[in-house]
Amino acid sequence: MHDIRSIRENKAQFVAGLTRRGVESAAAIADDLEARDRDLRALLTHLQDAQARRNDASRQIGQAKAQKNEPRAQELMAEVAGLKQEIQAGEEQERALKKALDDALAAIPNLPASDVPDGTDENANVEVVSRRWGAPPGMNAPREHFELGEALGMMDFERATKVSGARFVYLKNALARLERALGNFMIDMHTTELGYTEVSPPLLARNSAFFGTGQLPKFEDDQFWAVSGEIFLPHSSADTGHVAETADTLAQQLAHTAVQRRLREHRLGLIPTAEVPLTNYVREEILDEADLPLRFTAWTLCFRAEAGAAGKDTRGMIRMHQFAKVELVSITTQEQSDAEHERMTDCAQEVLKRLGLHHRVMTLCAGDMGFSARRTYDIEVWLPGQNRFREISSCSNCGDFQARRMDTRYRPKGEKSTRFVNTLNGSGLAVGRTLVAILENYQEPDGSIVIPAALRPYMGGLDRIVVPEK
């Protein structure tokens, strides 16, 4: 969320940042915000003047009555009554103007940091050469992960489609255990060695939480939503009726705008990433500077509608509606956040290094970053079956953008005033994509999969997944 005062005082900088983001008509957006802000402040000034006049007139009523000047008292009383109505109407207008301004601000992405490269898409992303690690494994005619998994008889997309539709999968036997092993390995490393606190968070969250981390309002269609059944439960036995009648009533309710609004207000969303519950853990709180940075990690299922992914990665486990991920979240001061961003990226890379997976790190350009980010590193792992790098982690510094939406502050030592915290999030790592990378990088010519040494303790000592004998 942007600070309207900052936009007012640094309009040219705001326009330049939005333009780098690829936002069309950045200047027009800034002009619109400026006009809304000006109208709101003018109204507030008028209300303050009206309230001051009402207070003064109320005092004069008492003086007029003391002087037995009834005509003057009646005149003042009529003025006070008129001012009361004017103020009430003005306060309603103030709420409407304030909401309209906040709604406009809420739809605008974070501004890129000054050192983020310019560009509109992934073609302008810049590799951090010093962070590249390893080398591609030498192999002839490598197969893709879904070919390997299906040949093992442990990856089943067809049956998952019957049950849940496209972009779901059944994992069985050793591959199911490998997925679990990866999650345990990542969580153990982040908590016992790298200073993160493990959290088991809710997988459903309210609109306010989605708003706090920036999924709402812009990305509503990318989420899966669950609606509480109590909205449609009858309030009395007399309302129950027959099943068919209830179904007809429900259809009529759903078509009603007020009911649709109520649905949105009461719904819960399945989290697209544990960033949502972990970052919102400190929403509407004032933290002590001495407690920062806070570092959280969670291994959860994640759910994404992938509304804009039609035709992309339609085969395999790269882009799923349901997947497991280990999330990293940090809450810091402004002074700590840049160093924390580098540290978080180091932690995510460490997982890949211990698994022996070749990867690189890309600095995303201004036009390719997520909505809430001011700077993002994407970690891309090498997939021999695809003969290219694919994203396996995205580590973002959001500055105070999310903190303003969540109203999360901290009190610096020795100061009475508060400041907004900075928030960071990253994947440490996406478990499904890490499984994909292991299958493709550790495949053998006979279709078996060598288990990386770091995972063998989590696999009961198993060192290889082999094709079952028929």
Protein backbone atom coordinates (compact mmCIF):
# COMPACT_ATOMS: atom_id res chain seq x y z
CA MET A 1 0.00 0.00 0.00
CA HIS A 2 1.30 3.42 -0.87
CA ASP A 3 1.43 6.45 1.42
CA ILE A 4 -0.60 9.22 -0.17
CA ARG A 5 1.53 11.81 1.60
CA SER A 6 4.65 10.38 -0.03
CA ILE A 7 2.95 10.46 -3.43
CA ARG A 8 1.88 14.06 -2.82
CA GLU A 9 5.42 15.10 -1.90
CA ASN A 10 7.28 12.95 -4.47
CA LYS A 11 4.88 12.79 -7.39
CA ALA A 12 7.55 12.71 -10.13
CA GLN A 13 9.38 9.86 -8.39
CA PHE A 14 6.11 7.93 -8.01
CA VAL A 15 5.28 8.33 -11.71
CA ALA A 16 8.79 7.26 -12.70
CA GLY A 17 8.54 4.13 -10.53
CA LEU A 18 5.15 3.13 -11.95
CA THR A 19 6.42 3.73 -15.47
CA ARG A 20 9.36 1.39 -14.82
CA ARG A 21 6.84 -1.16 -13.59
CA GLY A 22 5.16 -1.05 -16.98
CA VAL A 23 1.99 0.55 -15.61
CA GLU A 24 0.16 2.35 -18.39
CA SER A 25 -0.86 5.98 -17.89
CA ALA A 26 1.25 6.35 -14.74
CA ALA A 27 0.98 10.13 -14.87
CA ALA A 28 -2.81 9.98 -15.21
CA ILE A 29 -3.00 7.63 -12.23
CA ALA A 30 -0.92 10.04 -10.14
CA ASP A 31 -3.10 12.97 -11.22
CA ASP A 32 -6.24 11.03 -10.25
CA LEU A 33 -4.80 10.18 -6.83
CA GLU A 34 -3.75 13.78 -6.33
CA ALA A 35 -7.25 15.02 -7.19
CA ARG A 36 -8.90 12.51 -4.85
CA ASP A 37 -6.51 13.49 -2.07
CA ARG A 38 -7.13 17.19 -2.68
CA ASP A 39 -10.91 16.74 -2.55
CA LEU A 40 -10.67 14.71 0.65
CA ARG A 41 -8.41 17.23 2.38
CA ALA A 42 -10.64 20.13 1.29
CA LEU A 43 -13.67 18.34 2.74
CA LEU A 44 -11.82 17.65 5.99
CA THR A 45 -10.91 21.34 6.27
CA HIS A 46 -14.54 22.31 5.65
CA LEU A 47 -15.73 19.83 8.31
CA GLN A 48 -13.25 21.17 10.83
CA ASP A 49 -14.46 24.70 10.17
CA ALA A 50 -18.09 23.59 10.48
CA GLN A 51 -17.40 21.78 13.76
CA ALA A 52 -15.59 24.81 15.15
CA ARG A 53 -18.52 27.06 14.17
CA ARG A 54 -21.01 24.59 15.72
CA ASN A 55 -19.06 24.58 18.99
CA ASP A 56 -18.88 28.39 19.00
CA ALA A 57 -22.58 28.74 18.22
CA SER A 58 -23.45 26.29 21.01
CA ARG A 59 -21.56 28.44 23.50
CA GLN A 60 -23.35 31.54 22.23
CA ILE A 61 -26.72 29.87 22.81
CA GLY A 62 -25.96 29.70 26.52
CA GLN A 63 -24.88 33.34 26.54
CA ALA A 64 -28.01 34.47 24.69
CA LYS A 65 -30.27 32.58 27.12
CA ALA A 66 -28.40 34.08 30.07
CA GLN A 67 -29.08 37.50 28.56
CA LYS A 68 -32.72 36.48 27.99
CA ASN A 69 -32.27 37.14 24.28
CA GLU A 70 -34.61 34.41 23.08
CA PRO A 71 -34.73 35.44 19.41
CA ARG A 72 -30.94 35.27 19.21
CA ALA A 73 -30.94 31.90 21.02
CA GLN A 74 -33.49 30.48 18.57
CA GLU A 75 -31.47 31.78 15.64
CA LEU A 76 -28.32 30.12 16.98
CA MET A 77 -30.15 26.86 17.72
CA ALA A 78 -31.39 26.72 14.14
CA GLU A 79 -27.84 27.34 12.92
CA VAL A 80 -26.49 24.53 15.14
CA ALA A 81 -29.15 22.13 13.84
CA GLY A 82 -28.23 22.99 10.26
CA LEU A 83 -24.53 22.57 10.99
CA LYS A 84 -25.21 19.17 12.60
CA GLN A 85 -26.94 17.94 9.44
CA GLU A 86 -24.19 19.43 7.28
CA ILE A 87 -21.49 17.72 9.35
CA GLN A 88 -23.27 14.36 9.28
CA ALA A 89 -23.61 14.54 5.50
CA GLY A 90 -19.98 15.64 5.24
CA GLU A 91 -18.79 12.73 7.37
CA GLU A 92 -20.64 10.28 5.10
CA GLN A 93 -19.02 11.95 2.11
CA GLU A 94 -15.64 11.77 3.87
CA ARG A 95 -16.00 8.00 4.36
CA ALA A 96 -16.93 7.58 0.70
CA LEU A 97 -14.00 9.70 -0.54
CA LYS A 98 -11.59 7.95 1.84
CA LYS A 99 -12.71 4.51 0.66
CA ALA A 100 -12.43 5.50 -2.98
CA LEU A 101 -8.90 6.81 -2.40
CA ASP A 102 -7.87 3.71 -0.46
CA ASP A 103 -9.34 1.44 -3.14
CA ALA A 104 -7.38 3.29 -5.81
CA LEU A 105 -4.15 3.04 -3.80
CA ALA A 106 -4.73 -0.67 -3.08
CA ALA A 107 -4.70 -1.53 -6.78
CA ILE A 108 -1.25 -0.02 -7.43
CA PRO A 109 1.84 -2.28 -7.25
CA ASN A 110 4.91 -1.58 -5.16
CA LEU A 111 7.58 0.61 -6.71
CA PRO A 112 10.86 -1.03 -7.77
CA ALA A 113 14.04 -0.35 -5.85
CA SER A 114 16.47 1.97 -7.62
CA ASP A 115 18.93 -0.84 -8.44
CA VAL A 116 16.30 -3.12 -10.04
CA PRO A 117 16.99 -3.45 -13.78
CA ASP A 118 14.59 -1.88 -16.26
CA GLY A 119 12.48 -4.12 -18.47
CA THR A 120 8.97 -5.39 -19.10
CA ASP A 121 9.33 -9.19 -18.98
CA GLU A 122 11.63 -12.11 -18.17
CA ASN A 123 13.84 -11.35 -21.16
CA ALA A 124 15.21 -8.33 -19.28
CA ASN A 125 16.05 -10.23 -16.07
CA VAL A 126 19.74 -10.15 -15.14
CA GLU A 127 21.74 -13.07 -13.79
CA VAL A 128 23.71 -12.60 -10.56
CA VAL A 129 26.74 -14.38 -11.94
CA SER A 130 28.47 -14.71 -8.58
CA ARG A 131 25.55 -16.82 -7.30
CA ARG A 132 25.59 -19.45 -10.07
CA TRP A 133 26.41 -22.89 -8.64
CA GLY A 134 27.32 -26.29 -10.06
CA ALA A 135 27.18 -27.62 -13.60
CA PRO A 136 24.65 -29.62 -15.63
CA PRO A 137 25.02 -33.38 -15.26
CA GLY A 138 26.30 -35.14 -18.33
CA MET A 139 23.71 -37.53 -19.73
CA ASN A 140 22.44 -38.72 -23.07
CA ALA A 141 18.79 -38.24 -24.03
CA PRO A 142 17.49 -37.31 -20.57
CA ARG A 143 13.79 -37.81 -20.02
CA GLU A 144 11.35 -35.40 -18.39
CA HIS A 145 10.14 -36.03 -14.86
CA PHE A 146 6.63 -37.13 -15.83
CA GLU A 147 8.01 -39.77 -18.20
CA LEU A 148 10.24 -41.07 -15.42
CA GLY A 149 7.52 -40.97 -12.76
CA GLU A 150 4.95 -42.73 -14.92
CA ALA A 151 7.48 -45.38 -15.97
CA LEU A 152 8.16 -46.02 -12.28
CA GLY A 153 4.42 -46.49 -11.77
CA MET A 154 4.55 -43.90 -8.97
CA MET A 155 3.15 -40.76 -10.66
CA ASP A 156 -0.44 -40.85 -11.89
CA PHE A 157 -2.03 -37.84 -13.58
CA GLU A 158 -4.84 -39.76 -15.29
CA ARG A 159 -6.48 -40.97 -12.07
CA ALA A 160 -5.99 -37.56 -10.45
CA THR A 161 -7.83 -35.97 -13.37
CA LYS A 162 -10.79 -38.32 -12.79
CA VAL A 163 -10.96 -37.25 -9.15
CA SER A 164 -10.02 -33.56 -9.24
CA GLY A 165 -9.48 -32.43 -12.83
CA ALA A 166 -6.37 -31.18 -14.60
CA ARG A 167 -3.22 -30.04 -12.76
CA PHE A 168 -3.43 -32.62 -9.97
CA VAL A 169 -1.36 -35.76 -9.42
CA TYR A 170 -1.17 -38.90 -7.34
CA LEU A 171 2.31 -39.75 -6.04
CA LYS A 172 2.79 -43.28 -4.70
CA ASN A 173 5.32 -45.45 -2.90
CA ALA A 174 8.88 -44.12 -3.04
CA LEU A 175 7.93 -40.87 -4.82
CA ALA A 176 5.35 -40.05 -2.14
CA ARG A 177 8.02 -40.75 0.46
CA LEU A 178 10.54 -38.64 -1.47
CA GLU A 179 8.14 -35.68 -1.41
CA ARG A 180 7.74 -36.06 2.35
CA ALA A 181 11.51 -36.47 2.79
CA LEU A 182 12.18 -33.25 0.91
CA GLY A 183 9.80 -31.26 3.11
CA ASN A 184 11.33 -32.69 6.29
CA PHE A 185 14.87 -32.09 5.04
CA MET A 186 14.17 -28.45 4.16
CA ILE A 187 12.35 -27.66 7.41
CA ASP A 188 15.05 -29.31 9.53
CA MET A 189 17.80 -27.35 7.81
CA HIS A 190 16.03 -23.99 8.08
CA THR A 191 15.12 -24.45 11.74
CA THR A 192 18.12 -26.24 13.24
CA GLU A 193 20.85 -24.51 11.25
CA LEU A 194 19.57 -21.28 9.72
CA GLY A 195 17.62 -19.63 12.53
CA TYR A 196 14.02 -19.87 11.33
CA THR A 197 11.11 -20.61 13.67
CA GLU A 198 8.88 -23.42 12.45
CA VAL A 199 5.18 -22.59 12.26
CA SER A 200 2.19 -24.75 11.41
CA PRO A 201 -0.23 -22.09 10.10
CA PRO A 202 -3.87 -22.11 9.00
CA LEU A 203 -4.41 -23.08 5.37
CA LEU A 204 -7.53 -20.92 5.10
CA ALA A 205 -7.40 -17.15 5.49
CA ARG A 206 -9.75 -14.18 5.47
CA ASN A 207 -9.99 -11.47 2.85
CA SER A 208 -8.08 -9.09 5.12
CA ALA A 209 -5.09 -11.45 5.21
CA PHE A 210 -5.09 -11.79 1.42
CA PHE A 211 -5.29 -8.01 1.17
CA GLY A 212 -2.41 -7.62 3.60
CA THR A 213 0.03 -9.56 1.43
CA GLY A 214 -1.30 -8.15 -1.84
CA GLN A 215 -3.32 -11.02 -3.36
CA LEU A 216 -6.44 -8.85 -3.10
CA PRO A 217 -8.00 -7.04 -4.79
CA LYS A 218 -6.06 -7.56 -8.04
CA PHE A 219 -5.55 -11.34 -8.01
CA GLU A 220 -8.93 -12.53 -6.74
CA ASP A 221 -9.40 -14.91 -9.68
CA ASP A 222 -6.08 -16.65 -8.97
CA GLN A 223 -7.31 -17.95 -5.58
CA PHE A 224 -9.53 -20.83 -4.51
CA TRP A 225 -12.36 -19.61 -2.26
CA ALA A 226 -14.38 -21.49 0.35
CA VAL A 227 -17.67 -20.08 1.63
CA SER A 228 -19.02 -20.81 5.10
CA GLY A 229 -22.14 -22.96 4.89
CA GLU A 230 -23.85 -20.93 7.59
CA ILE A 231 -24.53 -18.15 5.11
CA PHE A 232 -27.14 -20.33 3.45
CA LEU A 233 -28.37 -22.28 6.46
CA PRO A 234 -32.05 -21.58 7.22
CA HIS A 235 -32.62 -19.36 10.24
CA SER A 236 -35.62 -21.39 11.39
CA SER A 237 -37.24 -24.73 10.64
CA ALA A 238 -40.03 -22.90 8.89
CA ASP A 239 -37.52 -21.73 6.27
CA THR A 240 -36.30 -25.18 5.31
CA GLY A 241 -38.89 -26.24 2.73
CA HIS A 242 -38.20 -28.92 0.20
CA VAL A 243 -34.74 -29.59 -1.19
CA ALA A 244 -35.74 -28.40 -4.66
CA GLU A 245 -37.22 -25.20 -3.25
CA THR A 246 -34.07 -24.59 -1.20
CA ALA A 247 -31.92 -25.07 -4.30
CA ASP A 248 -34.07 -22.60 -6.24
CA THR A 249 -33.82 -20.11 -3.38
CA LEU A 250 -30.06 -20.56 -3.25
CA ALA A 251 -29.75 -19.86 -6.98
CA GLN A 252 -31.81 -16.71 -6.54
CA GLN A 253 -29.65 -15.63 -3.60
CA LEU A 254 -26.45 -16.17 -5.54
CA ALA A 255 -27.75 -13.96 -8.33
CA HIS A 256 -28.42 -11.13 -5.88
CA THR A 257 -25.69 -8.48 -5.67
CA ALA A 258 -26.06 -8.03 -1.91
CA VAL A 259 -25.64 -11.76 -1.34
CA GLN A 260 -22.58 -11.84 -3.58
CA ARG A 261 -21.09 -9.07 -1.48
CA ARG A 262 -21.91 -10.98 1.69
CA LEU A 263 -20.30 -14.09 0.23
CA ARG A 264 -17.07 -12.21 -0.37
CA GLU A 265 -17.13 -10.75 3.14
CA HIS A 266 -17.57 -14.14 4.84
CA ARG A 267 -15.49 -16.37 2.61
CA LEU A 268 -12.14 -17.96 3.41
CA GLY A 269 -9.45 -18.52 0.82
CA LEU A 270 -7.14 -21.50 0.46
CA ILE A 271 -3.64 -20.08 0.78
CA PRO A 272 -1.60 -19.80 -2.45
CA THR A 273 1.54 -19.81 -0.30
CA ALA A 274 2.31 -19.76 3.43
CA GLU A 275 3.45 -16.17 2.88
CA VAL A 276 -0.17 -15.20 3.60
CA PRO A 277 -0.55 -16.63 7.14
CA LEU A 278 3.12 -16.19 8.12
CA THR A 279 3.36 -12.51 7.16
CA ASN A 280 -0.07 -11.74 8.63
CA TYR A 281 1.01 -13.37 11.91
CA VAL A 282 2.06 -9.87 13.03
CA ARG A 283 -0.76 -7.90 11.43
CA GLU A 284 -2.10 -4.91 13.41
CA GLU A 285 0.71 -5.20 15.96
CA ILE A 286 3.44 -2.89 17.25
CA LEU A 287 6.68 -4.85 17.68
CA ASP A 288 9.82 -4.02 19.64
CA GLU A 289 12.88 -3.25 17.57
CA ALA A 290 14.92 -5.57 19.81
CA ASP A 291 12.82 -8.54 18.62
CA LEU A 292 13.60 -7.94 14.93
CA PRO A 293 14.27 -9.61 12.63
CA LEU A 294 11.64 -12.30 13.05
CA ARG A 295 12.16 -15.35 10.83
CA PHE A 296 9.40 -17.90 10.19
CA THR A 297 9.22 -21.04 8.08
CA ALA A 298 6.36 -23.42 7.29
CA TRP A 299 5.88 -26.53 5.19
CA THR A 300 2.34 -26.41 3.81
CA LEU A 301 0.15 -27.36 0.95
CA CYS A 302 -0.55 -24.42 -1.39
CA PHE A 303 -3.47 -23.89 -3.75
CA ARG A 304 -3.55 -21.79 -6.90
CA ALA A 305 -6.27 -21.50 -9.49
CA GLU A 306 -3.68 -20.63 -12.16
CA ALA A 307 -6.33 -18.54 -13.90
CA GLY A 308 -3.79 -17.01 -16.27
CA ALA A 309 -1.84 -20.19 -17.00
CA ALA A 310 -3.98 -21.72 -19.75
CA GLY A 311 -1.77 -23.72 -22.06
CA LYS A 312 1.34 -23.39 -19.88
CA ASP A 313 3.06 -26.51 -18.53
CA THR A 314 0.01 -28.66 -19.15
CA ARG A 315 2.04 -31.88 -18.62
CA GLY A 316 3.82 -32.76 -15.43
CA MET A 317 4.20 -31.19 -11.99
CA ILE A 318 5.64 -27.77 -12.83
CA ARG A 319 2.36 -25.86 -12.53
CA MET A 320 -0.19 -27.50 -10.24
CA HIS A 321 -3.39 -26.40 -8.52
CA GLN A 322 -2.17 -28.11 -5.30
CA PHE A 323 1.46 -28.40 -4.30
CA ALA A 324 3.73 -28.47 -1.25
CA LYS A 325 6.16 -25.68 -0.44
CA VAL A 326 8.47 -24.63 2.36
CA GLU A 327 8.06 -20.89 2.86
CA LEU A 328 10.47 -18.40 4.43
CA VAL A 329 9.21 -15.08 5.86
CA SER A 330 11.17 -12.33 7.61
CA ILE A 331 9.92 -9.25 9.47
CA THR A 332 12.63 -6.59 9.78
CA THR A 333 13.42 -2.93 10.19
CA GLN A 334 14.06 -0.87 7.07
CA GLU A 335 17.79 -0.89 7.84
CA GLN A 336 17.89 -4.71 8.07
CA SER A 337 15.82 -5.62 5.03
CA ASP A 338 18.42 -5.50 2.23
CA ALA A 339 20.88 -7.70 4.14
CA GLU A 340 18.02 -10.02 5.10
CA HIS A 341 17.10 -10.37 1.44
CA GLU A 342 20.61 -11.59 0.62
CA ARG A 343 20.54 -13.93 3.63
CA MET A 344 17.17 -15.42 2.67
CA THR A 345 18.39 -16.09 -0.85
CA ASP A 346 21.50 -17.76 0.60
CA CYS A 347 19.27 -20.03 2.71
CA ALA A 348 17.18 -21.07 -0.29
CA GLN A 349 20.31 -21.74 -2.35
CA GLU A 350 21.79 -23.83 0.43
CA VAL A 351 19.02 -26.40 -0.04
CA LEU A 352 19.95 -26.82 -3.70
CA LYS A 353 23.65 -26.98 -2.93
CA ARG A 354 23.17 -29.81 -0.43
CA LEU A 355 21.07 -31.66 -2.98
CA GLY A 356 23.76 -31.15 -5.61
CA LEU A 357 21.46 -29.34 -8.04
CA HIS A 358 22.91 -26.93 -10.60
CA HIS A 359 21.19 -23.53 -10.43
CA ARG A 360 21.45 -19.83 -11.09
CA VAL A 361 20.00 -16.65 -9.55
CA MET A 362 18.25 -13.94 -11.57
CA THR A 363 17.44 -10.38 -10.53
CA LEU A 364 13.98 -9.72 -11.88
CA CYS A 365 13.46 -6.56 -13.91
CA ALA A 366 10.94 -3.95 -12.80
CA GLY A 367 8.19 -5.24 -15.09
CA ASP A 368 8.54 -8.91 -14.12
CA MET A 369 8.28 -8.65 -10.34
CA GLY A 370 5.29 -9.66 -8.24
CA PHE A 371 2.73 -7.08 -7.16
CA SER A 372 4.10 -6.52 -3.63
CA ALA A 373 7.84 -6.75 -4.32
CA ARG A 374 10.37 -3.95 -4.57
CA ARG A 375 13.22 -6.34 -5.41
CA THR A 376 13.13 -10.05 -6.30
CA TYR A 377 15.66 -12.80 -6.86
CA ASP A 378 14.45 -15.88 -8.73
CA ILE A 379 16.43 -19.06 -8.19
CA GLU A 380 16.28 -21.28 -11.26
CA VAL A 381 17.27 -24.96 -11.20
CA TRP A 382 18.59 -26.85 -14.22
CA LEU A 383 16.21 -29.47 -15.64
CA PRO A 384 18.01 -31.81 -18.08
CA GLY A 385 14.73 -33.20 -19.44
CA GLN A 386 13.67 -29.72 -20.52
CA ASN A 387 17.25 -28.60 -21.26
CA ARG A 388 16.71 -25.29 -19.49
CA PHE A 389 16.54 -23.53 -16.15
CA ARG A 390 13.17 -23.30 -14.35
CA GLU A 391 12.17 -21.22 -11.34
CA ILE A 392 12.25 -23.12 -8.06
CA SER A 393 12.28 -20.21 -5.60
CA SER A 394 11.39 -16.53 -5.63
CA CYS A 395 12.80 -14.38 -2.79
CA SER A 396 11.30 -10.90 -2.52
CA ASN A 397 11.87 -7.81 -0.41
CA CYS A 398 8.56 -5.96 -0.11
CA GLY A 399 9.83 -3.03 1.93
CA ASP A 400 6.99 -1.51 3.98
CA PHE A 401 4.38 -2.12 1.24
CA GLN A 402 2.69 -5.09 2.95
CA ALA A 403 3.19 -3.62 6.43
CA ARG A 404 1.06 -0.61 5.49
CA ARG A 405 -1.70 -2.91 4.28
CA MET A 406 -1.48 -4.97 7.52
CA ASP A 407 -0.84 -1.95 9.79
CA THR A 408 2.24 -3.59 11.33
CA ARG A 409 4.76 -1.32 12.99
CA TYR A 410 7.71 -1.41 15.36
CA ARG A 411 8.93 1.02 17.98
CA PRO A 412 12.61 1.94 17.62
CA LYS A 413 14.61 1.81 20.80
CA GLY A 414 14.38 5.04 22.76
CA GLU A 415 11.66 6.54 20.55
CA LYS A 416 7.97 7.13 21.22
CA SER A 417 6.95 7.14 17.57
CA THR A 418 6.55 3.98 15.50
CA ARG A 419 7.62 2.95 12.01
CA PHE A 420 6.33 0.39 9.56
CA VAL A 421 8.25 -2.89 9.46
CA ASN A 422 9.70 -4.35 6.27
CA THR A 423 8.55 -7.79 5.11
CA LEU A 424 10.32 -10.41 3.00
CA ASN A 425 9.24 -13.79 1.68
CA GLY A 426 10.76 -16.61 -0.32
CA SER A 427 10.48 -20.29 -1.17
CA GLY A 428 12.90 -22.50 0.62
CA LEU A 429 11.96 -24.43 -1.61
CA ALA A 430 8.97 -25.44 -3.72
CA VAL A 431 8.86 -29.14 -2.79
CA GLY A 432 7.19 -30.44 -5.97
CA ARG A 433 9.61 -28.64 -8.26
CA THR A 434 12.54 -29.89 -6.18
CA LEU A 435 11.23 -33.43 -6.64
CA VAL A 436 11.04 -32.74 -10.38
CA ALA A 437 14.65 -31.55 -10.35
CA ILE A 438 15.85 -34.65 -8.50
CA LEU A 439 14.07 -36.98 -10.92
CA GLU A 440 15.59 -35.29 -13.95
CA ASN A 441 19.10 -34.68 -12.56
CA TYR A 442 19.54 -38.04 -10.83
CA GLN A 443 17.98 -40.29 -13.48
CA GLU A 444 19.86 -43.35 -14.69
CA PRO A 445 19.66 -44.87 -18.20
CA ASP A 446 17.51 -47.74 -16.88
CA GLY A 447 14.93 -45.27 -15.49
CA SER A 448 15.97 -45.61 -11.86
CA ILE A 449 16.55 -42.53 -9.69
CA VAL A 450 19.58 -42.11 -7.41
CA ILE A 451 18.65 -40.56 -4.05
CA PRO A 452 20.89 -37.59 -3.12
CA ALA A 453 23.01 -38.38 -0.07
CA ALA A 454 21.41 -35.60 2.01
CA LEU A 455 17.97 -37.24 1.65
CA ARG A 456 18.90 -40.85 2.40
CA PRO A 457 18.43 -40.54 6.18
CA TYR A 458 14.88 -39.35 5.44
CA MET A 459 14.30 -42.27 3.06
CA GLY A 460 15.16 -45.01 5.56
CA GLY A 461 18.58 -45.42 3.98
CA LEU A 462 17.20 -46.03 0.49
CA ASP A 463 19.79 -44.95 -2.09
CA ARG A 464 17.87 -45.56 -5.30
CA ILE A 465 14.31 -45.70 -6.61
CA VAL A 466 14.02 -48.51 -9.12
CA VAL A 467 11.40 -49.56 -11.65
CA PRO A 468 9.29 -52.23 -9.95
CA GLU A 469 9.60 -55.74 -11.34
CA LYS A 470 6.49 -56.94 -13.15
